[in-house]
PDB file of N, CA and C in Angstrom:
ATOM      1  N   MET A   1      94.803  20.265 133.334  1.00  0.00           N
ATOM      2  CA  MET A   1      94.554  19.393 132.314  1.00  0.00           C
ATOM      3  C   MET A   1      92.883  19.238 132.109  1.00  0.00           C
ATOM      4  N   ALA A   2      92.677  19.342 130.718  1.00  0.00           N
ATOM      5  CA  ALA A   2      91.389  19.442 130.325  1.00  0.00           C
ATOM      6  C   ALA A   2      90.675  18.035 130.519  1.00  0.00           C
ATOM      7  N   LEU A   3      89.347  18.131 130.795  1.00  0.00           N
ATOM      8  CA  LEU A   3      88.529  17.068 130.996  1.00  0.00           C
ATOM      9  C   LEU A   3      87.594  16.744 129.778  1.00  0.00           C
ATOM     10  N   VAL A   4      87.736  15.747 128.985  1.00  0.00           N
ATOM     11  CA  VAL A   4      86.919  15.554 127.827  1.00  0.00           C
ATOM     12  C   VAL A   4      85.654  14.722 128.209  1.00  0.00           C
ATOM     13  N   GLY A   5      84.585  15.223 127.592  1.00  0.00           N
ATOM     14  CA  GLY A   5      83.382  14.512 127.849  1.00  0.00           C
ATOM     15  C   GLY A   5      82.467  14.441 126.668  1.00  0.00           C
ATOM     16  N   LYS A   6      81.261  13.838 126.731  1.00  0.00           N
ATOM     17  CA  LYS A   6      80.475  13.635 125.621  1.00  0.00           C
ATOM     18  C   LYS A   6      78.911  13.702 126.257  1.00  0.00           C
ATOM     19  N   LEU A   7      78.251  14.432 125.770  1.00  0.00           N
ATOM     20  CA  LEU A   7      76.720  14.330 126.076  1.00  0.00           C
ATOM     21  C   LEU A   7      75.878  13.925 124.862  1.00  0.00           C
ATOM     22  N   ILE A   8      74.775  13.161 125.095  1.00  0.00           N
ATOM     23  CA  ILE A   8      74.048  12.621 123.859  1.00  0.00           C
ATOM     24  C   ILE A   8      72.617  12.947 124.393  1.00  0.00           C
ATOM     25  N   ALA A   9      71.824  13.593 123.427  1.00  0.00           N
ATOM     26  CA  ALA A   9      70.295  13.782 123.681  1.00  0.00           C
ATOM     27  C   ALA A   9      69.530  13.205 122.407  1.00  0.00           C
ATOM     28  N   HIS A  10      68.379  12.802 122.760  1.00  0.00           N
ATOM     29  CA  HIS A  10      67.475  12.462 121.741  1.00  0.00           C
ATOM     30  C   HIS A  10      66.335  13.573 121.597  1.00  0.00           C
ATOM     31  N   VAL A  11      65.814  13.950 120.331  1.00  0.00           N
ATOM     32  CA  VAL A  11      64.791  14.768 120.237  1.00  0.00           C
ATOM     33  C   VAL A  11      63.753  14.070 119.356  1.00  0.00           C
ATOM     34  N   GLU A  12      62.434  14.160 119.792  1.00  0.00           N
ATOM     35  CA  GLU A  12      61.298  13.581 118.930  1.00  0.00           C
ATOM     36  C   GLU A  12      61.125  14.587 117.773  1.00  0.00           C
ATOM     37  N   MET A  13      61.134  14.010 116.637  1.00  0.00           N
ATOM     38  CA  MET A  13      60.834  14.811 115.273  1.00  0.00           C
ATOM     39  C   MET A  13      59.773  14.306 114.615  1.00  0.00           C
ATOM     40  N   ASN A  14      59.150  15.229 113.707  1.00  0.00           N
ATOM     41  CA  ASN A  14      57.944  14.968 112.769  1.00  0.00           C
ATOM     42  C   ASN A  14      58.402  14.925 111.438  1.00  0.00           C
ATOM     43  N   SER A  15      59.444  15.727 111.096  1.00  0.00           N
ATOM     44  CA  SER A  15      59.762  15.940 109.723  1.00  0.00           C
ATOM     45  C   SER A  15      60.692  14.988 109.209  1.00  0.00           C
ATOM     46  N   GLY A  16      61.403  14.251 109.917  1.00  0.00           N
ATOM     47  CA  GLY A  16      62.286  13.349 109.363  1.00  0.00           C
ATOM     48  C   GLY A  16      63.752  13.661 109.505  1.00  0.00           C
ATOM     49  N   GLY A  17      64.560  12.561 109.705  1.00  0.00           N
ATOM     50  CA  GLY A  17      65.983  12.954 110.042  1.00  0.00           C
ATOM     51  C   GLY A  17      66.716  13.610 108.891  1.00  0.00           C
ATOM     52  N   LYS A  18      66.381  13.008 107.654  1.00  0.00           N
ATOM     53  CA  LYS A  18      67.086  13.437 106.471  1.00  0.00           C
ATOM     54  C   LYS A  18      66.892  14.898 106.157  1.00  0.00           C
ATOM     55  N   VAL A  19      65.500  15.500 106.368  1.00  0.00           N
ATOM     56  CA  VAL A  19      65.364  16.832 106.269  1.00  0.00           C
ATOM     57  C   VAL A  19      66.124  17.666 107.077  1.00  0.00           C
ATOM     58  N   LEU A  20      66.197  17.358 108.354  1.00  0.00           N
ATOM     59  CA  LEU A  20      67.081  18.272 109.310  1.00  0.00           C
ATOM     60  C   LEU A  20      68.447  18.091 108.945  1.00  0.00           C
ATOM     61  N   HIS A  21      68.965  16.922 108.770  1.00  0.00           N
ATOM     62  CA  HIS A  21      70.406  16.627 108.207  1.00  0.00           C
ATOM     63  C   HIS A  21      70.834  17.524 107.113  1.00  0.00           C
ATOM     64  N   ASP A  22      69.982  17.386 106.070  1.00  0.00           N
ATOM     65  CA  ASP A  22      70.294  18.193 104.785  1.00  0.00           C
ATOM     66  C   ASP A  22      70.227  19.651 105.075  1.00  0.00           C
ATOM     67  N   LEU A  23      69.323  20.230 106.018  1.00  0.00           N
ATOM     68  CA  LEU A  23      69.347  21.549 106.429  1.00  0.00           C
ATOM     69  C   LEU A  23      70.758  22.015 107.176  1.00  0.00           C
ATOM     70  N   LEU A  24      71.063  21.215 108.168  1.00  0.00           N
ATOM     71  CA  LEU A  24      72.264  21.581 108.812  1.00  0.00           C
ATOM     72  C   LEU A  24      73.453  21.258 107.985  1.00  0.00           C
ATOM     73  N   ARG A  25      73.487  20.351 107.116  1.00  0.00           N
ATOM     74  CA  ARG A  25      74.717  20.172 106.228  1.00  0.00           C
ATOM     75  C   ARG A  25      74.937  21.151 105.226  1.00  0.00           C
ATOM     76  N   HIS A  26      73.796  21.435 104.452  1.00  0.00           N
ATOM     77  CA  HIS A  26      73.849  22.069 103.222  1.00  0.00           C
ATOM     78  C   HIS A  26      73.345  23.715 103.263  1.00  0.00           C
ATOM     79  N   LYS A  27      72.483  23.916 104.366  1.00  0.00           N
ATOM     80  CA  LYS A  27      71.993  25.289 104.570  1.00  0.00           C
ATOM     81  C   LYS A  27      72.042  25.721 105.889  1.00  0.00           C
ATOM     82  N   PRO A  28      73.072  25.750 106.616  1.00  0.00           N
ATOM     83  CA  PRO A  28      73.074  26.048 108.053  1.00  0.00           C
ATOM     84  C   PRO A  28      72.799  27.464 108.245  1.00  0.00           C
ATOM     85  N   HIS A  29      72.993  28.405 107.481  1.00  0.00           N
ATOM     86  CA  HIS A  29      72.627  29.719 107.307  1.00  0.00           C
ATOM     87  C   HIS A  29      71.015  29.980 107.482  1.00  0.00           C
ATOM     88  N   ASP A  30      70.267  28.940 107.033  1.00  0.00           N
ATOM     89  CA  ASP A  30      68.867  29.064 107.041  1.00  0.00           C
ATOM     90  C   ASP A  30      68.313  28.874 108.457  1.00  0.00           C
ATOM     91  N   VAL A  31      69.185  28.361 109.445  1.00  0.00           N
ATOM     92  CA  VAL A  31      68.822  28.030 110.784  1.00  0.00           C
ATOM     93  C   VAL A  31      68.347  29.339 111.590  1.00  0.00           C
ATOM     94  N   ALA A  32      69.214  30.514 111.066  1.00  0.00           N
ATOM     95  CA  ALA A  32      69.083  31.883 111.602  1.00  0.00           C
ATOM     96  C   ALA A  32      67.603  32.486 111.408  1.00  0.00           C
ATOM     97  N   SER A  33      67.062  32.140 110.044  1.00  0.00           N
ATOM     98  CA  SER A  33      65.759  32.620 109.886  1.00  0.00           C
ATOM     99  C   SER A  33      64.622  31.702 110.469  1.00  0.00           C
ATOM    100  N   ILE A  34      64.973  30.325 110.653  1.00  0.00           N
ATOM    101  CA  ILE A  34      64.010  29.547 111.276  1.00  0.00           C
ATOM    102  C   ILE A  34      63.701  29.723 112.845  1.00  0.00           C
ATOM    103  N   CYS A  35      64.894  30.080 113.492  1.00  0.00           N
ATOM    104  CA  CYS A  35      64.692  30.387 114.879  1.00  0.00           C
ATOM    105  C   CYS A  35      65.630  31.589 115.220  1.00  0.00           C
ATOM    106  N   PRO A  36      65.130  32.732 114.780  1.00  0.00           N
ATOM    107  CA  PRO A  36      66.027  33.951 115.056  1.00  0.00           C
ATOM    108  C   PRO A  36      66.159  34.239 116.505  1.00  0.00           C
ATOM    109  N   ASP A  37      65.253  34.002 117.321  1.00  0.00           N
ATOM    110  CA  ASP A  37      65.350  34.265 118.741  1.00  0.00           C
ATOM    111  C   ASP A  37      66.472  33.442 119.361  1.00  0.00           C
ATOM    112  N   LYS A  38      66.896  32.361 118.749  1.00  0.00           N
ATOM    113  CA  LYS A  38      68.155  31.619 119.301  1.00  0.00           C
ATOM    114  C   LYS A  38      69.325  31.696 118.412  1.00  0.00           C
ATOM    115  N   VAL A  39      69.306  31.523 117.073  1.00  0.00           N
ATOM    116  CA  VAL A  39      70.526  31.532 116.147  1.00  0.00           C
ATOM    117  C   VAL A  39      70.512  32.792 115.440  1.00  0.00           C
ATOM    118  N   HIS A  40      71.574  33.544 115.409  1.00  0.00           N
ATOM    119  CA  HIS A  40      71.680  34.783 114.746  1.00  0.00           C
ATOM    120  C   HIS A  40      72.395  34.666 113.293  1.00  0.00           C
ATOM    121  N   ALA A  41      73.536  33.815 113.244  1.00  0.00           N
ATOM    122  CA  ALA A  41      74.154  33.492 112.133  1.00  0.00           C
ATOM    123  C   ALA A  41      75.109  32.420 112.363  1.00  0.00           C
ATOM    124  N   CYS A  42      75.714  31.880 111.092  1.00  0.00           N
ATOM    125  CA  CYS A  42      76.810  30.998 111.237  1.00  0.00           C
ATOM    126  C   CYS A  42      77.815  31.296 110.223  1.00  0.00           C
ATOM    127  N   ASP A  43      79.111  31.111 110.499  1.00  0.00           N
ATOM    128  CA  ASP A  43      80.183  31.637 109.441  1.00  0.00           C
ATOM    129  C   ASP A  43      81.049  30.195 109.149  1.00  0.00           C
ATOM    130  N   LEU A  44      81.276  29.995 108.089  1.00  0.00           N
ATOM    131  CA  LEU A  44      82.191  28.883 107.721  1.00  0.00           C
ATOM    132  C   LEU A  44      83.648  29.313 108.011  1.00  0.00           C
ATOM    133  N   VAL A  45      84.116  28.475 108.901  1.00  0.00           N
ATOM    134  CA  VAL A  45      85.545  29.044 109.323  1.00  0.00           C
ATOM    135  C   VAL A  45      86.536  28.313 108.511  1.00  0.00           C
ATOM    136  N   SER A  46      86.357  27.082 108.360  1.00  0.00           N
ATOM    137  CA  SER A  46      87.358  26.328 107.401  1.00  0.00           C
ATOM    138  C   SER A  46      86.618  25.173 106.654  1.00  0.00           C
ATOM    139  N   GLY A  47      87.076  24.743 105.551  1.00  0.00           N
ATOM    140  CA  GLY A  47      86.685  23.478 104.778  1.00  0.00           C
ATOM    141  C   GLY A  47      85.572  24.148 103.723  1.00  0.00           C
ATOM    142  N   GLN A  48      84.735  23.224 103.342  1.00  0.00           N
ATOM    143  CA  GLN A  48      83.599  23.675 102.555  1.00  0.00           C
ATOM    144  C   GLN A  48      82.320  23.330 103.129  1.00  0.00           C
ATOM    145  N   ARG A  49      81.346  24.152 102.866  1.00  0.00           N
ATOM    146  CA  ARG A  49      79.946  24.062 103.520  1.00  0.00           C
ATOM    147  C   ARG A  49      79.397  22.507 103.001  1.00  0.00           C
ATOM    148  N   GLY A  50      79.092  21.784 103.869  1.00  0.00           N
ATOM    149  CA  GLY A  50      78.482  20.403 103.639  1.00  0.00           C
ATOM    150  C   GLY A  50      79.469  19.347 103.605  1.00  0.00           C
ATOM    151  N   ALA A  51      80.690  19.789 103.716  1.00  0.00           N
ATOM    152  CA  ALA A  51      81.889  18.659 103.731  1.00  0.00           C
ATOM    153  C   ALA A  51      82.138  18.121 105.127  1.00  0.00           C
ATOM    154  N   VAL A  52      82.587  16.985 105.140  1.00  0.00           N
ATOM    155  CA  VAL A  52      83.019  16.433 106.553  1.00  0.00           C
ATOM    156  C   VAL A  52      84.138  16.921 106.971  1.00  0.00           C
ATOM    157  N   GLY A  53      84.268  17.395 108.258  1.00  0.00           N
ATOM    158  CA  GLY A  53      85.367  17.923 108.765  1.00  0.00           C
ATOM    159  C   GLY A  53      85.454  19.624 108.658  1.00  0.00           C
ATOM    160  N   SER A  54      84.416  20.157 108.209  1.00  0.00           N
ATOM    161  CA  SER A  54      84.311  21.638 108.026  1.00  0.00           C
ATOM    162  C   SER A  54      84.074  22.181 109.562  1.00  0.00           C
ATOM    163  N   THR A  55      84.415  23.427 109.644  1.00  0.00           N
ATOM    164  CA  THR A  55      84.246  24.134 110.894  1.00  0.00           C
ATOM    165  C   THR A  55      83.273  25.351 110.676  1.00  0.00           C
ATOM    166  N   ILE A  56      82.327  25.149 111.640  1.00  0.00           N
ATOM    167  CA  ILE A  56      81.209  26.486 111.369  1.00  0.00           C
ATOM    168  C   ILE A  56      81.081  27.085 112.999  1.00  0.00           C
ATOM    169  N   SER A  57      81.317  28.350 112.738  1.00  0.00           N
ATOM    170  CA  SER A  57      81.034  29.204 113.977  1.00  0.00           C
ATOM    171  C   SER A  57      79.652  29.668 114.043  1.00  0.00           C
ATOM    172  N   TRP A  58      79.001  29.253 115.293  1.00  0.00           N
ATOM    173  CA  TRP A  58      77.604  29.561 115.351  1.00  0.00           C
ATOM    174  C   TRP A  58      77.539  30.819 116.352  1.00  0.00           C
ATOM    175  N   HIS A  59      76.564  31.787 115.858  1.00  0.00           N
ATOM    176  CA  HIS A  59      76.297  32.994 116.750  1.00  0.00           C
ATOM    177  C   HIS A  59      74.784  32.996 117.173  1.00  0.00           C
ATOM    178  N   TYR A  60      74.793  32.771 118.584  1.00  0.00           N
ATOM    179  CA  TYR A  60      73.516  32.370 119.158  1.00  0.00           C
ATOM    180  C   TYR A  60      73.303  33.112 120.539  1.00  0.00           C
ATOM    181  N   THR A  61      71.924  33.245 120.786  1.00  0.00           N
ATOM    182  CA  THR A  61      71.561  33.980 122.158  1.00  0.00           C
ATOM    183  C   THR A  61      71.099  32.773 122.926  1.00  0.00           C
ATOM    184  N   HIS A  62      71.526  32.523 124.239  1.00  0.00           N
ATOM    185  CA  HIS A  62      71.028  31.406 125.012  1.00  0.00           C
ATOM    186  C   HIS A  62      69.959  31.955 125.895  1.00  0.00           C
ATOM    187  N   VAL A  63      68.815  31.174 125.878  1.00  0.00           N
ATOM    188  CA  VAL A  63      67.863  31.526 126.958  1.00  0.00           C
ATOM    189  C   VAL A  63      67.379  30.162 127.395  1.00  0.00           C
ATOM    190  N   GLU A  64      66.712  30.267 128.696  1.00  0.00           N
ATOM    191  CA  GLU A  64      66.463  28.820 129.274  1.00  0.00           C
ATOM    192  C   GLU A  64      65.456  28.012 128.400  1.00  0.00           C
ATOM    193  N   PRO A  65      65.774  26.840 128.370  1.00  0.00           N
ATOM    194  CA  PRO A  65      64.845  25.947 127.248  1.00  0.00           C
ATOM    195  C   PRO A  65      63.388  26.008 127.834  1.00  0.00           C
ATOM    196  N   LYS A  66      62.365  25.672 126.892  1.00  0.00           N
ATOM    197  CA  LYS A  66      61.020  25.281 127.106  1.00  0.00           C
ATOM    198  C   LYS A  66      60.754  24.012 127.406  1.00  0.00           C
ATOM    199  N   GLN A  67      59.782  23.731 128.164  1.00  0.00           N
ATOM    200  CA  GLN A  67      59.500  22.255 128.638  1.00  0.00           C
ATOM    201  C   GLN A  67      58.085  21.820 127.719  1.00  0.00           C
ATOM    202  N   ASP A  68      56.937  20.073 126.625  1.00  0.00           N
ATOM    203  CA  ASP A  68      55.969  19.227 126.196  1.00  0.00           C
ATOM    204  C   ASP A  68      56.182  18.272 124.864  1.00  0.00           C
ATOM    205  N   GLY A  69      53.522   8.515 113.813  1.00  0.00           N
ATOM    206  CA  GLY A  69      54.698   8.119 113.416  1.00  0.00           C
ATOM    207  C   GLY A  69      56.003   9.014 113.346  1.00  0.00           C
ATOM    208  N   LYS A  70      56.487   9.487 114.866  1.00  0.00           N
ATOM    209  CA  LYS A  70      57.662  10.535 115.084  1.00  0.00           C
ATOM    210  C   LYS A  70      59.180   9.691 114.980  1.00  0.00           C
ATOM    211  N   GLN A  71      60.154  10.458 114.805  1.00  0.00           N
ATOM    212  CA  GLN A  71      61.521   9.954 114.787  1.00  0.00           C
ATOM    213  C   GLN A  71      62.388  10.689 115.809  1.00  0.00           C
ATOM    214  N   LEU A  72      63.431  10.008 116.140  1.00  0.00           N
ATOM    215  CA  LEU A  72      64.392  10.743 117.111  1.00  0.00           C
ATOM    216  C   LEU A  72      65.543  11.285 116.482  1.00  0.00           C
ATOM    217  N   GLY A  73      65.860  12.578 116.751  1.00  0.00           N
ATOM    218  CA  GLY A  73      67.061  12.963 116.255  1.00  0.00           C
ATOM    219  C   GLY A  73      68.142  12.934 117.357  1.00  0.00           C
ATOM    220  N   THR A  74      69.516  12.736 117.028  1.00  0.00           N
ATOM    221  CA  THR A  74      70.344  12.593 118.260  1.00  0.00           C
ATOM    222  C   THR A  74      71.325  13.617 118.117  1.00  0.00           C
ATOM    223  N   TRP A  75      71.649  14.360 119.022  1.00  0.00           N
ATOM    224  CA  TRP A  75      72.785  15.234 119.222  1.00  0.00           C
ATOM    225  C   TRP A  75      73.725  14.709 119.876  1.00  0.00           C
ATOM    226  N   THR A  76      75.167  14.658 119.485  1.00  0.00           N
ATOM    227  CA  THR A  76      76.173  14.054 120.115  1.00  0.00           C
ATOM    228  C   THR A  76      77.135  15.335 120.184  1.00  0.00           C
ATOM    229  N   PHE A  77      77.378  15.782 121.426  1.00  0.00           N
ATOM    230  CA  PHE A  77      78.092  17.022 121.783  1.00  0.00           C
ATOM    231  C   PHE A  77      79.369  16.724 122.530  1.00  0.00           C
ATOM    232  N   GLU A  78      80.490  16.817 121.918  1.00  0.00           N
ATOM    233  CA  GLU A  78      81.813  16.446 122.572  1.00  0.00           C
ATOM    234  C   GLU A  78      82.277  17.854 123.058  1.00  0.00           C
ATOM    235  N   PHE A  79      82.919  17.774 124.350  1.00  0.00           N
ATOM    236  CA  PHE A  79      83.395  19.056 124.770  1.00  0.00           C
ATOM    237  C   PHE A  79      84.590  18.808 125.741  1.00  0.00           C
ATOM    238  N   GLU A  80      85.355  19.929 126.099  1.00  0.00           N
ATOM    239  CA  GLU A  80      86.463  19.805 126.868  1.00  0.00           C
ATOM    240  C   GLU A  80      86.154  20.802 128.198  1.00  0.00           C
ATOM    241  N   LYS A  81      86.252  20.322 129.398  1.00  0.00           N
ATOM    242  CA  LYS A  81      86.149  21.292 130.501  1.00  0.00           C
ATOM    243  C   LYS A  81      87.688  21.448 131.054  1.00  0.00           C
ATOM    244  N   PRO A  82      88.050  22.797 131.304  1.00  0.00           N
ATOM    245  CA  PRO A  82      89.398  23.018 131.833  1.00  0.00           C
ATOM    246  C   PRO A  82      89.780  22.394 133.072  1.00  0.00           C
ATOM    247  N   ASN A  83      88.729  22.152 133.914  1.00  0.00           N
ATOM    248  CA  ASN A  83      88.979  21.480 135.202  1.00  0.00           C
ATOM    249  C   ASN A  83      87.626  20.877 135.813  1.00  0.00           C
ATOM    250  N   VAL A  84      87.740  20.277 137.018  1.00  0.00           N
ATOM    251  CA  VAL A  84      86.516  19.484 137.387  1.00  0.00           C
ATOM    252  C   VAL A  84      85.413  20.354 137.992  1.00  0.00           C
ATOM    253  N   SER A  85      85.946  21.688 138.303  1.00  0.00           N
ATOM    254  CA  SER A  85      84.851  22.871 138.801  1.00  0.00           C
ATOM    255  C   SER A  85      83.940  23.215 137.881  1.00  0.00           C
ATOM    256  N   VAL A  86      84.321  23.133 136.574  1.00  0.00           N
ATOM    257  CA  VAL A  86      83.450  23.663 135.647  1.00  0.00           C
ATOM    258  C   VAL A  86      82.325  22.708 135.258  1.00  0.00           C
ATOM    259  N   PRO A  87      81.090  23.190 135.428  1.00  0.00           N
ATOM    260  CA  PRO A  87      79.865  22.283 135.184  1.00  0.00           C
ATOM    261  C   PRO A  87      79.740  21.643 133.839  1.00  0.00           C
ATOM    262  N   TYR A  88      79.147  20.425 133.829  1.00  0.00           N
ATOM    263  CA  TYR A  88      78.817  19.808 132.417  1.00  0.00           C
ATOM    264  C   TYR A  88      77.943  20.749 131.637  1.00  0.00           C
ATOM    265  N   PRO A  89      78.072  20.774 130.398  1.00  0.00           N
ATOM    266  CA  PRO A  89      77.285  21.844 129.608  1.00  0.00           C
ATOM    267  C   PRO A  89      75.793  21.427 129.199  1.00  0.00           C
ATOM    268  N   THR A  90      75.152  20.698 130.233  1.00  0.00           N
ATOM    269  CA  THR A  90      73.739  20.328 129.923  1.00  0.00           C
ATOM    270  C   THR A  90      72.807  21.345 129.507  1.00  0.00           C
ATOM    271  N   VAL A  91      73.069  22.672 130.097  1.00  0.00           N
ATOM    272  CA  VAL A  91      71.960  23.740 129.602  1.00  0.00           C
ATOM    273  C   VAL A  91      72.099  23.853 128.093  1.00  0.00           C
ATOM    274  N   PHE A  92      73.381  23.903 127.537  1.00  0.00           N
ATOM    275  CA  PHE A  92      73.630  23.975 126.298  1.00  0.00           C
ATOM    276  C   PHE A  92      73.066  22.997 125.391  1.00  0.00           C
ATOM    277  N   MET A  93      73.179  21.723 125.997  1.00  0.00           N
ATOM    278  CA  MET A  93      72.642  20.607 125.189  1.00  0.00           C
ATOM    279  C   MET A  93      71.129  20.811 125.052  1.00  0.00           C
ATOM    280  N   ASP A  94      70.421  21.258 126.241  1.00  0.00           N
ATOM    281  CA  ASP A  94      68.962  21.486 126.121  1.00  0.00           C
ATOM    282  C   ASP A  94      68.637  22.586 125.051  1.00  0.00           C
ATOM    283  N   TYR A  95      69.570  23.488 124.969  1.00  0.00           N
ATOM    284  CA  TYR A  95      69.392  24.688 124.067  1.00  0.00           C
ATOM    285  C   TYR A  95      69.498  23.990 122.609  1.00  0.00           C
ATOM    286  N   LEU A  96      70.541  23.212 122.328  1.00  0.00           N
ATOM    287  CA  LEU A  96      70.544  22.697 121.052  1.00  0.00           C
ATOM    288  C   LEU A  96      69.347  21.846 120.758  1.00  0.00           C
ATOM    289  N   CYS A  97      68.866  20.949 121.522  1.00  0.00           N
ATOM    290  CA  CYS A  97      67.660  20.501 121.420  1.00  0.00           C
ATOM    291  C   CYS A  97      66.546  21.314 120.995  1.00  0.00           C
ATOM    292  N   ASP A  98      66.179  22.406 121.731  1.00  0.00           N
ATOM    293  CA  ASP A  98      65.257  23.377 121.388  1.00  0.00           C
ATOM    294  C   ASP A  98      65.464  23.931 119.970  1.00  0.00           C
ATOM    295  N   ILE A  99      66.585  24.018 119.474  1.00  0.00           N
ATOM    296  CA  ILE A  99      66.873  24.520 118.212  1.00  0.00           C
ATOM    297  C   ILE A  99      66.347  23.464 117.108  1.00  0.00           C
ATOM    298  N   ILE A 100      66.713  22.182 117.358  1.00  0.00           N
ATOM    299  CA  ILE A 100      66.123  21.126 116.502  1.00  0.00           C
ATOM    300  C   ILE A 100      64.704  21.108 116.497  1.00  0.00           C
ATOM    301  N   LYS A 101      64.082  21.151 117.659  1.00  0.00           N
ATOM    302  CA  LYS A 101      62.619  21.316 117.647  1.00  0.00           C
ATOM    303  C   LYS A 101      61.947  22.509 116.823  1.00  0.00           C
ATOM    304  N   ASP A 102      62.557  23.626 116.876  1.00  0.00           N
ATOM    305  CA  ASP A 102      62.219  24.785 116.036  1.00  0.00           C
ATOM    306  C   ASP A 102      62.396  24.350 114.520  1.00  0.00           C
ATOM    307  N   MET A 103      63.625  23.811 114.255  1.00  0.00           N
ATOM    308  CA  MET A 103      63.710  23.588 112.883  1.00  0.00           C
ATOM    309  C   MET A 103      62.744  22.382 112.317  1.00  0.00           C
ATOM    310  N   ASP A 104      62.451  21.531 113.243  1.00  0.00           N
ATOM    311  CA  ASP A 104      61.468  20.428 112.897  1.00  0.00           C
ATOM    312  C   ASP A 104      60.199  20.927 112.547  1.00  0.00           C
ATOM    313  N   ASN A 105      59.674  21.988 113.488  1.00  0.00           N
ATOM    314  CA  ASN A 105      58.322  22.561 113.298  1.00  0.00           C
ATOM    315  C   ASN A 105      58.413  23.420 111.925  1.00  0.00           C
ATOM    316  N   HIS A 106      59.534  23.978 111.562  1.00  0.00           N
ATOM    317  CA  HIS A 106      59.671  24.764 110.443  1.00  0.00           C
ATOM    318  C   HIS A 106      59.687  23.985 109.077  1.00  0.00           C
ATOM    319  N   CYS A 107      60.177  22.636 109.259  1.00  0.00           N
ATOM    320  CA  CYS A 107      60.233  21.724 108.122  1.00  0.00           C
ATOM    321  C   CYS A 107      58.876  20.797 107.990  1.00  0.00           C
ATOM    322  N   ILE A 108      57.893  20.825 108.791  1.00  0.00           N
ATOM    323  CA  ILE A 108      56.791  20.164 108.729  1.00  0.00           C
ATOM    324  C   ILE A 108      55.776  20.760 107.686  1.00  0.00           C
ATOM    325  N   PRO A 109      55.411  19.859 106.627  1.00  0.00           N
ATOM    326  CA  PRO A 109      54.547  20.461 105.588  1.00  0.00           C
ATOM    327  C   PRO A 109      53.228  21.080 106.341  1.00  0.00           C
ATOM    328  N   LYS A 110      52.970  22.264 105.903  1.00  0.00           N
ATOM    329  CA  LYS A 110      51.757  22.806 106.443  1.00  0.00           C
ATOM    330  C   LYS A 110      50.474  22.614 105.651  1.00  0.00           C
TER     331      LYS A 110
END
């Protein structure tokens, strides 16, 4: 029986939540050019880009995360573990937070 869980993380941001939300919702393919060392591509699996309920498949390379008037962005990551011996995906959550930091740095006016 699968075990369902949820992880929540907060990321400090300078560019503003709307900027990053619009990027993820309407231009998720741009994330690959913003942080090419982490994200390589994303494919629309079902639905329409930007529509609630759409499914996007992300192609990424995982590396160990880096550690140092701002806003907080919140990642909510729902998951299923096949059994209790599978660890919680906290490393993956750290990785997602690093992607948001890269996107935030990209969106800050220079």
